[in-house]
Amino acid sequence: MRKAKLALDRATSESIIELCKQYLTLLAEYRAELYKLPDTLELNSRARSSSSREDVDETRKEVRTAIEHTTQERNRAGALILSFTAVSGYEATATLNRLKYNGHDNWELRAGGVRWGDNTNKRMTVQEAVEVASLLRREEHIAIKEARDTFFNRSGNPNRRLE
C-alpha cells in the first residue's frame, strides 16, 4: 500500500490514472481484509481475563480507525480519478476557458464541437476537447502537488500532511 501511495504521489500526467486505479484496487483489498478482522477477534474475546478483553477492545478500535482511514483514502482517490475521467463537454469547455487553452478564454460548446469565439478554424470535436481537458486537469494537479511539496520542503514543516 505504501509503495502504491508513493507511486501515486510521484505520478506524471501520463501515469496518474493507471496508478490511481492500482491504488484503488489495493485499498479495496486492504479494506476487505480489515472487515474480516472482527470475526477473528471474536475468538479472542471469549478469553476470561479482563486484560485480554481490553486488548481486544483496543484492537477493535484500531481496526475501526484503519477502516475509516482507508475509506477516506478510497473516497479521495476515487474523486481524483473521476476528476480526470468523467469530463463532460460543458466541463471540458469550462476547463479550457479557466486555463486559457491556446491563449483563449472564450471556448464555446457547439453542436459541431468546441471552438473559441467566432473562429471556425480553431475547432475540435467534443471528444478531443474532453481529452485535452482531462490532460490539462492532470497536468494542473501534478503542478499544484509539486508546488505544495516544494513549499513544504522549503519551509521545513515536519507536520505537513501528504495528500
C-alpha atoms as a PDB file:
ATOM      1  CA  MET A   1       0.000   0.000   0.000  1.00  0.00           C
ATOM      2  CA  ARG A   2       2.735   2.425   0.926  1.00  0.00           C
ATOM      3  CA  LYS A   3       4.550   1.838  -2.365  1.00  0.00           C
ATOM      4  CA  ALA A   4       1.337   2.370  -4.314  1.00  0.00           C
ATOM      5  CA  LYS A   5       0.651   5.611  -2.418  1.00  0.00           C
ATOM      6  CA  LEU A   6       4.204   6.851  -3.040  1.00  0.00           C
ATOM      7  CA  ALA A   7       3.949   5.944  -6.720  1.00  0.00           C
ATOM      8  CA  LEU A   8       0.674   7.876  -6.943  1.00  0.00           C
ATOM      9  CA  ASP A   9       2.256  10.851  -5.175  1.00  0.00           C
ATOM     10  CA  ARG A  10       5.082  10.815  -7.756  1.00  0.00           C
ATOM     11  CA  ALA A  11       2.851  10.204 -10.767  1.00  0.00           C
ATOM     12  CA  THR A  12       3.113  12.063 -14.030  1.00  0.00           C
ATOM     13  CA  SER A  13       0.160  13.345 -16.031  1.00  0.00           C
ATOM     14  CA  GLU A  14       0.566  10.265 -18.252  1.00  0.00           C
ATOM     15  CA  SER A  15       0.675   7.703 -15.433  1.00  0.00           C
ATOM     16  CA  ILE A  16      -1.646   9.127 -12.785  1.00  0.00           C
ATOM     17  CA  ILE A  17      -4.865   7.467 -13.970  1.00  0.00           C
ATOM     18  CA  GLU A  18      -3.349   3.978 -14.064  1.00  0.00           C
ATOM     19  CA  LEU A  19      -1.571   4.455 -10.725  1.00  0.00           C
ATOM     20  CA  CYS A  20      -4.792   5.740  -9.190  1.00  0.00           C
ATOM     21  CA  LYS A  21      -6.640   2.628 -10.416  1.00  0.00           C
ATOM     22  CA  GLN A  22      -3.950   0.396  -8.906  1.00  0.00           C
ATOM     23  CA  TYR A  23      -4.105   2.280  -5.612  1.00  0.00           C
ATOM     24  CA  LEU A  24      -7.909   1.983  -5.521  1.00  0.00           C
ATOM     25  CA  THR A  25      -7.645  -1.768  -6.110  1.00  0.00           C
ATOM     26  CA  LEU A  26      -5.177  -2.168  -3.246  1.00  0.00           C
ATOM     27  CA  LEU A  27      -7.324  -0.020  -0.948  1.00  0.00           C
ATOM     28  CA  ALA A  28     -10.356  -2.191  -1.703  1.00  0.00           C
ATOM     29  CA  GLU A  29      -8.419  -5.382  -0.974  1.00  0.00           C
ATOM     30  CA  TYR A  30      -6.980  -3.959   2.252  1.00  0.00           C
ATOM     31  CA  ARG A  31     -10.378  -2.715   3.396  1.00  0.00           C
ATOM     32  CA  ALA A  32     -11.915  -6.141   2.737  1.00  0.00           C
ATOM     33  CA  GLU A  33      -9.225  -7.744   4.896  1.00  0.00           C
ATOM     34  CA  LEU A  34      -9.828  -5.205   7.660  1.00  0.00           C
ATOM     35  CA  TYR A  35     -13.531  -6.077   7.680  1.00  0.00           C
ATOM     36  CA  LYS A  36     -12.617  -9.735   8.260  1.00  0.00           C
ATOM     37  CA  LEU A  37     -10.632  -8.936  11.412  1.00  0.00           C
ATOM     38  CA  PRO A  38     -13.585  -8.506  13.817  1.00  0.00           C
ATOM     39  CA  ASP A  39     -14.602 -12.115  13.116  1.00  0.00           C
ATOM     40  CA  THR A  40     -11.103 -13.233  14.078  1.00  0.00           C
ATOM     41  CA  LEU A  41     -11.192 -11.081  17.196  1.00  0.00           C
ATOM     42  CA  GLU A  42     -14.436 -12.722  18.328  1.00  0.00           C
ATOM     43  CA  LEU A  43     -12.451 -15.880  19.036  1.00  0.00           C
ATOM     44  CA  ASN A  44     -10.160 -13.919  21.330  1.00  0.00           C
ATOM     45  CA  SER A  45     -12.980 -12.141  23.135  1.00  0.00           C
ATOM     46  CA  ARG A  46     -14.033 -15.397  24.792  1.00  0.00           C
ATOM     47  CA  ALA A  47     -10.920 -15.236  26.926  1.00  0.00           C
ATOM     48  CA  ARG A  48     -11.700 -14.918  30.612  1.00  0.00           C
ATOM     49  CA  SER A  49      -9.199 -12.304  31.700  1.00  0.00           C
ATOM     50  CA  SER A  50     -10.348  -8.696  31.628  1.00  0.00           C
ATOM     51  CA  SER A  51      -6.960  -7.542  30.298  1.00  0.00           C
ATOM     52  CA  SER A  52      -7.443  -9.753  27.229  1.00  0.00           C
ATOM     53  CA  ARG A  53     -10.869  -8.235  26.661  1.00  0.00           C
ATOM     54  CA  GLU A  54      -9.372  -4.765  26.972  1.00  0.00           C
ATOM     55  CA  ASP A  55      -6.710  -5.714  24.442  1.00  0.00           C
ATOM     56  CA  VAL A  56      -9.386  -6.995  22.066  1.00  0.00           C
ATOM     57  CA  ASP A  57     -11.422  -3.804  22.507  1.00  0.00           C
ATOM     58  CA  GLU A  58      -8.349  -1.684  21.820  1.00  0.00           C
ATOM     59  CA  THR A  59      -7.548  -3.737  18.730  1.00  0.00           C
ATOM     60  CA  ARG A  60     -11.139  -3.307  17.500  1.00  0.00           C
ATOM     61  CA  LYS A  61     -10.796   0.458  17.876  1.00  0.00           C
ATOM     62  CA  GLU A  62      -7.578   0.376  15.867  1.00  0.00           C
ATOM     63  CA  VAL A  63      -9.244  -1.709  13.155  1.00  0.00           C
ATOM     64  CA  ARG A  64     -12.177   0.717  13.030  1.00  0.00           C
ATOM     65  CA  THR A  65      -9.760   3.629  12.701  1.00  0.00           C
ATOM     66  CA  ALA A  66      -7.889   1.841   9.912  1.00  0.00           C
ATOM     67  CA  ILE A  67     -11.180   1.161   8.087  1.00  0.00           C
ATOM     68  CA  GLU A  68     -12.176   4.825   8.389  1.00  0.00           C
ATOM     69  CA  HIS A  69      -8.785   5.980   7.106  1.00  0.00           C
ATOM     70  CA  THR A  70      -8.901   3.506   4.222  1.00  0.00           C
ATOM     71  CA  THR A  71     -12.417   4.652   3.327  1.00  0.00           C
ATOM     72  CA  GLN A  72     -11.286   8.296   3.315  1.00  0.00           C
ATOM     73  CA  GLU A  73      -8.326   7.414   1.093  1.00  0.00           C
ATOM     74  CA  ARG A  74     -10.586   5.441  -1.242  1.00  0.00           C
ATOM     75  CA  ASN A  75     -13.002   8.365  -1.494  1.00  0.00           C
ATOM     76  CA  ARG A  76     -10.151  10.803  -2.134  1.00  0.00           C
ATOM     77  CA  ALA A  77      -8.548   8.609  -4.809  1.00  0.00           C
ATOM     78  CA  GLY A  78     -11.955   7.899  -6.360  1.00  0.00           C
ATOM     79  CA  ALA A  79     -12.759  11.604  -6.572  1.00  0.00           C
ATOM     80  CA  LEU A  80      -9.337  12.285  -8.052  1.00  0.00           C
ATOM     81  CA  ILE A  81      -9.711   9.737 -10.830  1.00  0.00           C
ATOM     82  CA  LEU A  82     -13.248  10.935 -11.564  1.00  0.00           C
ATOM     83  CA  SER A  83     -11.989  14.493 -11.927  1.00  0.00           C
ATOM     84  CA  PHE A  84      -9.742  13.269 -14.731  1.00  0.00           C
ATOM     85  CA  THR A  85     -12.033  10.777 -16.452  1.00  0.00           C
ATOM     86  CA  ALA A  86     -15.631  11.960 -16.052  1.00  0.00           C
ATOM     87  CA  VAL A  87     -15.420  15.178 -18.038  1.00  0.00           C
ATOM     88  CA  SER A  88     -18.470  16.358 -19.971  1.00  0.00           C
ATOM     89  CA  GLY A  89     -18.367  18.704 -22.936  1.00  0.00           C
ATOM     90  CA  TYR A  90     -19.502  21.571 -20.714  1.00  0.00           C
ATOM     91  CA  GLU A  91     -16.830  20.790 -18.115  1.00  0.00           C
ATOM     92  CA  ALA A  92     -14.202  20.484 -20.844  1.00  0.00           C
ATOM     93  CA  THR A  93     -15.159  23.913 -22.190  1.00  0.00           C
ATOM     94  CA  ALA A  94     -15.018  25.397 -18.691  1.00  0.00           C
ATOM     95  CA  THR A  95     -11.565  23.858 -18.154  1.00  0.00           C
ATOM     96  CA  LEU A  96     -10.296  25.173 -21.500  1.00  0.00           C
ATOM     97  CA  ASN A  97     -11.531  28.659 -20.560  1.00  0.00           C
ATOM     98  CA  ARG A  98     -10.253  28.578 -16.972  1.00  0.00           C
ATOM     99  CA  LEU A  99      -6.789  27.512 -18.086  1.00  0.00           C
ATOM    100  CA  LYS A 100      -6.838  29.732 -21.196  1.00  0.00           C
ATOM    101  CA  TYR A 101      -6.043  26.861 -23.521  1.00  0.00           C
ATOM    102  CA  ASN A 102      -4.120  28.121 -26.596  1.00  0.00           C
ATOM    103  CA  GLY A 103      -4.343  31.616 -25.110  1.00  0.00           C
ATOM    104  CA  HIS A 104      -8.144  31.846 -25.270  1.00  0.00           C
ATOM    105  CA  ASP A 105     -10.756  32.067 -22.561  1.00  0.00           C
ATOM    106  CA  ASN A 106     -13.829  32.140 -24.791  1.00  0.00           C
ATOM    107  CA  TRP A 107     -14.174  28.498 -25.817  1.00  0.00           C
ATOM    108  CA  GLU A 108     -17.765  27.516 -26.557  1.00  0.00           C
ATOM    109  CA  LEU A 109     -19.518  24.192 -26.806  1.00  0.00           C
ATOM    110  CA  ARG A 110     -21.465  23.996 -30.050  1.00  0.00           C
ATOM    111  CA  ALA A 111     -23.367  21.264 -31.834  1.00  0.00           C
ATOM    112  CA  GLY A 112     -20.420  20.784 -34.179  1.00  0.00           C
ATOM    113  CA  GLY A 113     -17.835  20.650 -31.403  1.00  0.00           C
ATOM    114  CA  VAL A 114     -15.879  23.105 -29.303  1.00  0.00           C
ATOM    115  CA  ARG A 115     -14.410  26.299 -30.715  1.00  0.00           C
ATOM    116  CA  TRP A 116     -13.183  29.617 -29.410  1.00  0.00           C
ATOM    117  CA  GLY A 117     -15.244  32.659 -30.153  1.00  0.00           C
ATOM    118  CA  ASP A 118     -16.417  33.009 -33.722  1.00  0.00           C
ATOM    119  CA  ASN A 119     -13.290  31.415 -35.130  1.00  0.00           C
ATOM    120  CA  THR A 120     -14.313  28.329 -37.060  1.00  0.00           C
ATOM    121  CA  ASN A 121     -10.670  27.414 -37.746  1.00  0.00           C
ATOM    122  CA  LYS A 122      -9.935  26.767 -34.069  1.00  0.00           C
ATOM    123  CA  ARG A 123     -12.352  23.916 -33.607  1.00  0.00           C
ATOM    124  CA  MET A 124     -12.178  20.454 -32.120  1.00  0.00           C
ATOM    125  CA  THR A 125     -14.634  17.646 -31.563  1.00  0.00           C
ATOM    126  CA  VAL A 126     -16.229  17.314 -28.159  1.00  0.00           C
ATOM    127  CA  GLN A 127     -14.210  14.129 -27.609  1.00  0.00           C
ATOM    128  CA  GLU A 128     -10.971  15.958 -28.428  1.00  0.00           C
ATOM    129  CA  ALA A 129     -11.947  18.757 -26.043  1.00  0.00           C
ATOM    130  CA  VAL A 130     -12.676  16.210 -23.297  1.00  0.00           C
ATOM    131  CA  GLU A 131      -9.297  14.540 -23.841  1.00  0.00           C
ATOM    132  CA  VAL A 132      -7.456  17.872 -23.817  1.00  0.00           C
ATOM    133  CA  ALA A 133      -9.329  18.980 -20.669  1.00  0.00           C
ATOM    134  CA  SER A 134      -8.519  15.693 -18.940  1.00  0.00           C
ATOM    135  CA  LEU A 135      -4.835  16.124 -19.745  1.00  0.00           C
ATOM    136  CA  LEU A 136      -4.902  19.764 -18.626  1.00  0.00           C
ATOM    137  CA  ARG A 137      -6.543  18.759 -15.339  1.00  0.00           C
ATOM    138  CA  ARG A 138      -3.924  16.063 -14.740  1.00  0.00           C
ATOM    139  CA  GLU A 139      -1.091  18.475 -15.525  1.00  0.00           C
ATOM    140  CA  GLU A 140      -2.617  21.090 -13.226  1.00  0.00           C
ATOM    141  CA  HIS A 141      -2.957  18.538 -10.409  1.00  0.00           C
ATOM    142  CA  ILE A 142       0.687  17.476 -10.794  1.00  0.00           C
ATOM    143  CA  ALA A 143       1.879  21.107 -10.871  1.00  0.00           C
ATOM    144  CA  ILE A 144      -0.109  22.025  -7.746  1.00  0.00           C
ATOM    145  CA  LYS A 145       1.196  18.961  -5.926  1.00  0.00           C
ATOM    146  CA  GLU A 146       4.790  19.723  -6.902  1.00  0.00           C
ATOM    147  CA  ALA A 147       4.422  23.347  -5.807  1.00  0.00           C
ATOM    148  CA  ARG A 148       2.921  22.274  -2.482  1.00  0.00           C
ATOM    149  CA  ASP A 149       5.670  19.709  -1.914  1.00  0.00           C
ATOM    150  CA  THR A 150       8.336  22.277  -2.776  1.00  0.00           C
ATOM    151  CA  PHE A 151       6.794  24.801  -0.378  1.00  0.00           C
ATOM    152  CA  PHE A 152       6.596  22.322   2.491  1.00  0.00           C
ATOM    153  CA  ASN A 153      10.090  21.004   1.859  1.00  0.00           C
ATOM    154  CA  ARG A 154      11.479  24.547   1.922  1.00  0.00           C
ATOM    155  CA  SER A 155       9.506  25.581   4.973  1.00  0.00           C
ATOM    156  CA  GLY A 156      10.760  22.516   6.826  1.00  0.00           C
ATOM    157  CA  ASN A 157       7.335  21.834   8.295  1.00  0.00           C
ATOM    158  CA  PRO A 158       7.611  18.335   9.809  1.00  0.00           C
ATOM    159  CA  ASN A 159       3.861  18.203  10.440  1.00  0.00           C
ATOM    160  CA  ARG A 160       2.821  18.600   6.818  1.00  0.00           C
ATOM    161  CA  ARG A 161       0.066  16.382   5.541  1.00  0.00           C
ATOM    162  CA  LEU A 162       0.809  14.297   2.492  1.00  0.00           C
ATOM    163  CA  GLU A 163      -2.268  14.273   0.302  1.00  0.00           C
END
